[in-house]
Amino acid sequence: MLGHFKPRSCKLSQAARDTYQRAYCTLCAALRQQFGLHASLLLNHEITMLLIAFLPEISKTETPLVYTRCPTRLWLKHQPIYTQSSEIQEAANFTLLLAWFKAVDRETDQPGWLNTKLRIILERMLDKCQWKAPTHQLIQDYALLTRKHNADLTEVAKQSATLASHVAERLGTITNTVNTSEYTKIFAMAGTAVPFADHLLDVSEDVKTGAFNPILTLAKSEGISIDEAFGIIHHQYQDIIQCLRQALKNLTLSAPIFTEIVLNSTDYLTARIAKKINNDDDEPNKNQYTGSCCDSCDDCCDCSDCIRCGKGAGQCDCSNGSSGDCCSGGDCCSNCCSGADCCGNCSCDCG
């Protein structure tokens, strides 16, 4: 659970967008309260979705909303959040734990004083958390696995799933949520997908830096190309995602907003990996507009890859060789986000 399941907010319904933003800000406030202002940099999207899964129970026992000043807006804007509670504090603890795991992984892949310093700082912050014995054992097991270069993604994915399901079970228990097992199953599948997604997303950079990546190890050991090895791991990732989608469809709980956000995040993650297949990493501006984009980009900039947003969009030159009156019709983001040709008037694929 390394933050890969990030929703594409421009494609969420207004209700889902508001819910996600509220949970995200709630987690941010909890991190600041427990560990200091800098801890808000550790926000995790999967933990935010866990909060959303259990928010109905949290809301029953707590005053629904209070307001907090937002540090990203220079403290000038007030954001609505849920009242801090033991459940939310526990979610903040797990957010810090996942950040530490990520730091350990980074230090293992790229040794250096800066990465070591970051890991030590997070360890000192973790000392403030009072972990139950099962969680403490899980931390040791997962850290041990993270510190060794394990080319067996199946083993890594299994441990990641165990971690994800443990976090879900813990939050479900302290919120007294009925049918916690259904949410646990969903997050276990997401946890299984994370190591595959992580290495698929990082492979281009790892080729350049020489960092460890099971895809590169597979290519070398089997005497196949990196593209072929990528395809094998990508196929395994797709199988996991298909199971995750099916589990969401079979969810007996009435949780439409939670389901929408998880599906949206899954689609976005899969689309980002698909860009790696198309080698978009080598040409980061391949599908970006060279002029101002359109009136309603907002968060859509990350999915339509607009260089800049704003009013007055007219000609839109696509640097992959296509050009035309791309944005003259109005909102190009809505089409780009779904993977269609931008505005339907130029042949560049913004998806």
Protein backbone atom coordinates (compact mmCIF):
# COMPACT_ATOMS: atom_id res chain seq x y z
CA MET A 1 0.00 0.00 0.00
CA LEU A 2 2.31 2.65 -1.33
CA GLY A 3 -0.22 5.25 -2.43
CA HIS A 4 -0.66 3.93 -5.96
CA PHE A 5 -4.45 3.64 -5.73
CA LYS A 6 -5.06 7.33 -6.22
CA PRO A 7 -8.46 8.45 -7.57
CA ARG A 8 -8.75 10.69 -10.59
CA SER A 9 -11.00 13.28 -8.99
CA CYS A 10 -12.18 14.85 -12.25
CA LYS A 11 -13.98 11.58 -13.02
CA LEU A 12 -15.67 11.20 -9.63
CA SER A 13 -19.23 12.23 -8.92
CA GLN A 14 -19.57 15.35 -6.78
CA ALA A 15 -20.64 13.27 -3.78
CA ALA A 16 -17.66 10.95 -4.10
CA ARG A 17 -15.27 13.86 -4.64
CA ASP A 18 -16.52 15.65 -1.53
CA THR A 19 -16.33 12.48 0.56
CA TYR A 20 -12.80 11.72 -0.57
CA GLN A 21 -11.61 15.28 0.02
CA ARG A 22 -13.12 15.29 3.49
CA ALA A 23 -11.50 11.99 4.43
CA TYR A 24 -8.17 13.11 2.95
CA CYS A 25 -8.23 16.36 4.93
CA THR A 26 -9.28 14.48 8.07
CA LEU A 27 -6.27 12.19 7.77
CA CYS A 28 -4.01 15.18 7.11
CA ALA A 29 -5.25 16.92 10.26
CA ALA A 30 -4.71 13.75 12.31
CA LEU A 31 -1.13 13.43 11.06
CA ARG A 32 -0.38 17.05 11.91
CA GLN A 33 -1.94 16.71 15.35
CA GLN A 34 -0.03 13.55 16.28
CA PHE A 35 3.31 13.94 14.53
CA GLY A 36 3.72 17.59 13.51
CA LEU A 37 3.15 19.70 10.42
CA HIS A 38 5.71 17.87 8.27
CA ALA A 39 3.80 14.60 8.75
CA SER A 40 1.07 15.84 6.42
CA LEU A 41 3.50 15.12 3.58
CA LEU A 42 3.03 11.42 4.30
CA LEU A 43 -0.64 11.25 3.30
CA ASN A 44 -1.62 7.91 1.81
CA HIS A 45 -4.45 7.34 -0.67
CA GLU A 46 -5.19 3.73 0.35
CA ILE A 47 -5.56 4.72 4.01
CA THR A 48 -7.88 7.51 2.90
CA MET A 49 -10.04 4.90 1.16
CA LEU A 50 -10.00 2.78 4.31
CA LEU A 51 -11.33 5.75 6.24
CA ILE A 52 -14.09 6.11 3.68
CA ALA A 53 -14.99 2.45 4.11
CA PHE A 54 -15.45 2.91 7.85
CA LEU A 55 -16.67 6.52 7.95
CA PRO A 56 -20.35 5.54 8.37
CA GLU A 57 -19.50 3.96 11.71
CA ILE A 58 -17.20 6.82 12.73
CA SER A 59 -19.91 9.36 11.93
CA LYS A 60 -22.41 7.62 14.19
CA THR A 61 -20.30 8.20 17.28
CA GLU A 62 -18.63 11.50 16.51
CA THR A 63 -19.76 15.02 15.71
CA PRO A 64 -19.78 14.76 11.90
CA LEU A 65 -17.83 17.84 10.87
CA VAL A 66 -15.49 20.49 12.19
CA TYR A 67 -13.20 22.81 10.25
CA THR A 68 -9.43 23.05 10.08
CA ARG A 69 -7.09 25.47 8.38
CA CYS A 70 -5.41 23.98 5.32
CA PRO A 71 -1.58 24.26 5.25
CA THR A 72 -1.50 23.89 1.46
CA ARG A 73 -3.53 27.09 1.20
CA LEU A 74 -1.21 29.01 3.53
CA TRP A 75 -3.68 28.43 6.39
CA LEU A 76 -6.15 30.83 4.79
CA LYS A 77 -8.77 28.29 3.79
CA HIS A 78 -10.86 26.20 6.17
CA GLN A 79 -11.54 22.60 5.18
CA PRO A 80 -14.33 20.43 6.66
CA ILE A 81 -13.08 17.32 8.47
CA TYR A 82 -14.44 14.66 10.78
CA THR A 83 -13.83 15.12 14.48
CA GLN A 84 -10.61 13.43 15.56
CA SER A 85 -11.24 10.07 17.21
CA SER A 86 -9.32 6.93 18.17
CA GLU A 87 -10.24 5.38 14.83
CA ILE A 88 -8.86 8.30 12.86
CA GLN A 89 -5.75 8.43 15.03
CA GLU A 90 -5.17 4.74 14.32
CA ALA A 91 -5.48 5.44 10.60
CA ALA A 92 -2.83 8.16 10.98
CA ASN A 93 -0.55 5.67 12.75
CA PHE A 94 -0.86 3.22 9.87
CA THR A 95 -0.21 6.04 7.40
CA LEU A 96 3.08 6.73 9.14
CA LEU A 97 3.89 3.02 9.13
CA LEU A 98 3.34 2.73 5.38
CA ALA A 99 5.54 5.79 4.83
CA TRP A 100 8.27 4.08 6.84
CA PHE A 101 7.96 0.91 4.73
CA LYS A 102 8.32 3.03 1.62
CA ALA A 103 11.41 4.71 3.08
CA VAL A 104 12.95 1.32 3.92
CA ASP A 105 12.27 0.15 0.37
CA ARG A 106 13.81 3.30 -1.08
CA GLU A 107 16.89 3.04 1.13
CA THR A 108 17.33 -0.60 0.08
CA ASP A 109 17.06 0.23 -3.63
CA GLN A 110 19.04 3.48 -3.50
CA PRO A 111 21.47 3.51 -0.54
CA GLY A 112 22.58 6.96 0.51
CA TRP A 113 22.75 9.24 3.51
CA LEU A 114 19.59 11.15 2.58
CA ASN A 115 17.40 8.05 2.30
CA THR A 116 18.90 6.68 5.51
CA LYS A 117 18.20 9.96 7.31
CA LEU A 118 14.57 9.91 6.16
CA ARG A 119 14.13 6.35 7.38
CA ILE A 120 15.61 7.21 10.79
CA ILE A 121 13.35 10.26 11.17
CA LEU A 122 10.27 8.15 10.43
CA GLU A 123 11.43 5.47 12.87
CA ARG A 124 11.63 8.04 15.64
CA MET A 125 8.10 9.16 14.83
CA LEU A 126 6.93 5.53 14.87
CA ASP A 127 8.16 5.21 18.44
CA LYS A 128 5.15 7.31 19.46
CA CYS A 129 2.76 4.61 18.24
CA GLN A 130 1.62 1.87 20.58
CA TRP A 131 1.33 -1.20 18.37
CA LYS A 132 -0.50 -4.36 19.30
CA ALA A 133 1.59 -7.55 19.27
CA PRO A 134 0.23 -8.84 15.90
CA THR A 135 0.96 -5.49 14.25
CA HIS A 136 4.45 -5.39 15.73
CA GLN A 137 5.21 -8.86 14.35
CA LEU A 138 3.83 -7.89 10.96
CA ILE A 139 6.10 -4.83 10.91
CA GLN A 140 9.15 -7.00 11.54
CA ASP A 141 8.18 -9.56 8.87
CA TYR A 142 7.35 -6.97 6.23
CA ALA A 143 10.50 -4.92 6.92
CA LEU A 144 12.65 -8.05 6.65
CA LEU A 145 11.09 -8.92 3.29
CA THR A 146 11.43 -5.33 2.06
CA ARG A 147 15.13 -5.16 2.94
CA LYS A 148 16.05 -8.12 0.77
CA HIS A 149 15.88 -8.03 -3.00
CA ASN A 150 13.21 -10.66 -3.53
CA ALA A 151 12.60 -11.44 -7.19
CA ASP A 152 9.57 -13.55 -6.29
CA LEU A 153 6.76 -11.03 -6.64
CA THR A 154 4.25 -13.64 -5.49
CA GLU A 155 5.85 -13.78 -2.05
CA VAL A 156 6.08 -9.99 -1.81
CA ALA A 157 2.46 -9.61 -2.96
CA LYS A 158 1.30 -12.12 -0.35
CA GLN A 159 2.99 -10.16 2.43
CA SER A 160 1.58 -6.90 1.05
CA ALA A 161 -1.91 -8.43 1.05
CA THR A 162 -1.43 -9.55 4.66
CA LEU A 163 -0.45 -6.02 5.65
CA ALA A 164 -3.43 -4.47 3.83
CA SER A 165 -5.94 -6.92 5.29
CA HIS A 166 -4.48 -6.42 8.78
CA VAL A 167 -4.94 -2.65 8.58
CA ALA A 168 -8.53 -3.12 7.36
CA GLU A 169 -9.31 -5.64 10.10
CA ARG A 170 -7.86 -3.35 12.75
CA LEU A 171 -9.89 -0.32 11.68
CA GLY A 172 -12.99 -2.47 11.23
CA THR A 173 -12.62 -3.85 14.74
CA ILE A 174 -12.24 -0.51 16.52
CA THR A 175 -15.18 0.98 14.56
CA ASN A 176 -17.36 -2.10 15.21
CA THR A 177 -18.16 -2.27 11.50
CA VAL A 178 -20.45 -5.08 10.42
CA ASN A 179 -19.10 -7.31 7.63
CA THR A 180 -15.56 -6.03 7.99
CA SER A 181 -14.46 -9.18 6.16
CA GLU A 182 -15.79 -7.83 2.86
CA TYR A 183 -13.68 -4.70 3.11
CA THR A 184 -10.74 -6.81 4.26
CA LYS A 185 -11.01 -8.90 1.10
CA ILE A 186 -11.09 -5.79 -1.10
CA PHE A 187 -8.00 -4.28 0.50
CA ALA A 188 -6.15 -7.62 0.50
CA MET A 189 -6.59 -7.71 -3.29
CA ALA A 190 -5.44 -4.11 -3.58
CA GLY A 191 -2.43 -4.98 -1.42
CA THR A 192 -1.67 -7.91 -3.72
CA ALA A 193 -1.70 -5.62 -6.76
CA VAL A 194 0.56 -2.95 -5.25
CA PRO A 195 3.98 -4.68 -5.63
CA PHE A 196 3.18 -5.54 -9.25
CA ALA A 197 2.04 -1.98 -9.97
CA ASP A 198 5.02 -0.50 -8.15
CA HIS A 199 7.58 -2.34 -10.28
CA LEU A 200 5.64 -1.82 -13.50
CA LEU A 201 5.56 1.93 -12.88
CA ASP A 202 9.23 2.10 -11.85
CA VAL A 203 10.81 -0.09 -14.52
CA SER A 204 11.87 2.75 -16.85
CA GLU A 205 13.56 4.64 -14.04
CA ASP A 206 15.13 1.46 -12.64
CA VAL A 207 16.67 0.69 -16.03
CA LYS A 208 18.34 4.11 -15.95
CA THR A 209 19.50 3.98 -12.33
CA GLY A 210 20.30 0.29 -12.08
CA ALA A 211 17.97 -0.13 -9.09
CA PHE A 212 16.58 -3.56 -8.31
CA ASN A 213 13.38 -4.50 -10.13
CA PRO A 214 11.97 -8.05 -10.45
CA ILE A 215 11.03 -7.30 -14.06
CA LEU A 216 14.69 -6.72 -14.92
CA THR A 217 15.69 -9.81 -12.95
CA LEU A 218 13.11 -11.88 -14.82
CA ALA A 219 14.37 -10.62 -18.18
CA LYS A 220 17.96 -11.50 -17.31
CA SER A 221 17.24 -14.92 -15.79
CA GLU A 222 14.95 -16.04 -18.64
CA GLY A 223 17.00 -14.51 -21.41
CA ILE A 224 14.08 -12.44 -22.68
CA SER A 225 13.67 -8.76 -23.44
CA ILE A 226 12.58 -6.26 -20.81
CA ASP A 227 9.40 -5.66 -22.82
CA GLU A 228 8.57 -9.38 -22.68
CA ALA A 229 9.25 -9.52 -18.95
CA PHE A 230 7.12 -6.40 -18.49
CA GLY A 231 4.30 -8.13 -20.39
CA ILE A 232 4.43 -11.18 -18.11
CA ILE A 233 4.23 -9.10 -14.92
CA HIS A 234 1.59 -6.85 -16.46
CA HIS A 235 -0.57 -9.87 -17.28
CA GLN A 236 -0.34 -11.02 -13.65
CA TYR A 237 -1.30 -7.53 -12.51
CA GLN A 238 -4.34 -7.54 -14.81
CA ASP A 239 -5.52 -10.88 -13.38
CA ILE A 240 -5.39 -9.43 -9.86
CA ILE A 241 -7.25 -6.29 -10.92
CA GLN A 242 -9.94 -8.39 -12.59
CA CYS A 243 -10.48 -10.23 -9.30
CA LEU A 244 -10.64 -6.90 -7.47
CA ARG A 245 -13.29 -5.59 -9.85
CA GLN A 246 -15.34 -8.75 -9.43
CA ALA A 247 -15.14 -8.52 -5.63
CA LEU A 248 -16.40 -4.93 -5.79
CA LYS A 249 -19.32 -6.02 -7.97
CA ASN A 250 -20.17 -8.76 -5.47
CA LEU A 251 -20.01 -6.43 -2.48
CA THR A 252 -23.19 -6.99 -0.46
CA LEU A 253 -22.74 -3.84 1.61
CA SER A 254 -24.43 -0.70 0.37
CA ALA A 255 -21.34 1.41 -0.26
CA PRO A 256 -21.76 3.13 -3.63
CA ILE A 257 -19.33 5.98 -2.93
CA PHE A 258 -16.62 3.63 -1.65
CA THR A 259 -17.09 1.36 -4.67
CA GLU A 260 -16.95 4.31 -7.07
CA ILE A 261 -13.73 5.63 -5.56
CA VAL A 262 -11.96 2.26 -5.57
CA LEU A 263 -12.99 1.52 -9.16
CA ASN A 264 -11.92 5.00 -10.23
CA SER A 265 -8.54 4.56 -8.53
CA THR A 266 -8.10 1.15 -10.13
CA ASP A 267 -8.83 2.59 -13.58
CA TYR A 268 -6.36 5.42 -13.03
CA LEU A 269 -3.60 3.10 -11.84
CA THR A 270 -4.16 0.80 -14.81
CA ALA A 271 -4.07 3.78 -17.20
CA ARG A 272 -0.78 4.98 -15.74
CA ILE A 273 0.74 1.54 -16.24
CA ALA A 274 -0.62 1.46 -19.80
CA LYS A 275 1.34 4.65 -20.50
CA LYS A 276 4.51 2.76 -19.61
CA ILE A 277 3.65 0.20 -22.28
CA ASN A 278 3.41 3.04 -24.78
CA ASN A 279 6.80 4.33 -23.61
CA ASP A 280 5.32 7.69 -22.67
CA ASP A 281 8.02 8.01 -20.03
CA ASP A 282 10.61 8.61 -22.71
CA GLU A 283 8.63 11.57 -24.05
CA PRO A 284 6.91 13.13 -21.06
CA ASN A 285 5.32 15.88 -23.16
CA LYS A 286 4.23 13.61 -25.98
CA ASN A 287 0.51 14.22 -25.60
CA GLN A 288 0.57 17.56 -23.86
CA TYR A 289 -0.93 20.66 -25.37
CA THR A 290 1.52 23.35 -26.35
CA GLY A 291 -1.01 26.10 -25.77
CA SER A 292 -3.55 26.93 -23.09
CA CYS A 293 -5.92 24.08 -22.67
CA CYS A 294 -9.52 24.64 -21.66
CA ASP A 295 -11.82 26.23 -19.14
CA SER A 296 -12.44 23.32 -16.83
CA CYS A 297 -9.19 21.43 -16.34
CA ASP A 298 -8.90 21.65 -12.55
CA ASP A 299 -7.81 18.24 -11.31
CA CYS A 300 -8.17 16.92 -14.84
CA CYS A 301 -4.71 18.18 -15.65
CA ASP A 302 -3.21 14.95 -14.41
CA CYS A 303 -5.32 12.84 -16.72
CA SER A 304 -5.52 14.97 -19.84
CA ASP A 305 -1.90 16.08 -19.42
CA CYS A 306 -2.59 19.74 -20.12
CA ILE A 307 0.52 21.87 -19.81
CA ARG A 308 -1.53 24.66 -18.34
CA CYS A 309 -5.19 25.40 -17.84
CA GLY A 310 -7.19 28.55 -18.25
CA LYS A 311 -9.70 30.42 -20.31
CA GLY A 312 -9.23 31.54 -23.87
CA ALA A 313 -8.23 28.16 -25.27
CA GLY A 314 -8.34 28.09 -29.04
CA GLN A 315 -5.83 26.34 -31.24
CA CYS A 316 -4.40 23.25 -29.56
CA ASP A 317 -1.21 21.90 -31.07
CA CYS A 318 -0.41 18.35 -30.11
CA SER A 319 3.30 17.72 -30.03
CA ASN A 320 2.97 14.14 -31.26
CA GLY A 321 2.39 15.47 -34.73
CA SER A 322 -1.32 16.20 -34.69
CA SER A 323 -2.87 19.61 -34.46
CA GLY A 324 -6.14 21.32 -35.02
CA ASP A 325 -8.94 23.21 -33.35
CA CYS A 326 -8.70 20.82 -30.46
CA CYS A 327 -10.09 22.88 -27.63
CA SER A 328 -12.24 25.34 -29.52
CA GLY A 329 -15.32 23.29 -28.73
CA GLY A 330 -15.02 23.77 -24.98
CA ASP A 331 -14.19 21.08 -22.44
CA CYS A 332 -11.50 18.81 -23.79
CA CYS A 333 -10.77 17.22 -20.44
CA SER A 334 -13.96 15.19 -20.24
CA ASN A 335 -13.00 13.32 -23.37
CA CYS A 336 -9.32 13.05 -22.61
CA CYS A 337 -10.02 11.53 -19.23
CA SER A 338 -11.90 8.66 -20.78
CA GLY A 339 -9.08 7.97 -23.17
CA ALA A 340 -10.79 9.30 -26.26
CA ASP A 341 -9.16 11.61 -28.78
CA CYS A 342 -9.06 15.10 -27.38
CA CYS A 343 -12.30 16.90 -28.20
CA GLY A 344 -12.85 14.47 -31.06
CA ASN A 345 -11.34 17.09 -33.36
CA CYS A 346 -7.68 16.15 -33.33
CA SER A 347 -6.08 12.78 -33.60
CA CYS A 348 -3.83 12.82 -30.57
CA ASP A 349 -4.67 10.26 -27.94
CA CYS A 350 -4.74 12.00 -24.57
CA GLY A 351 -5.67 8.93 -22.64
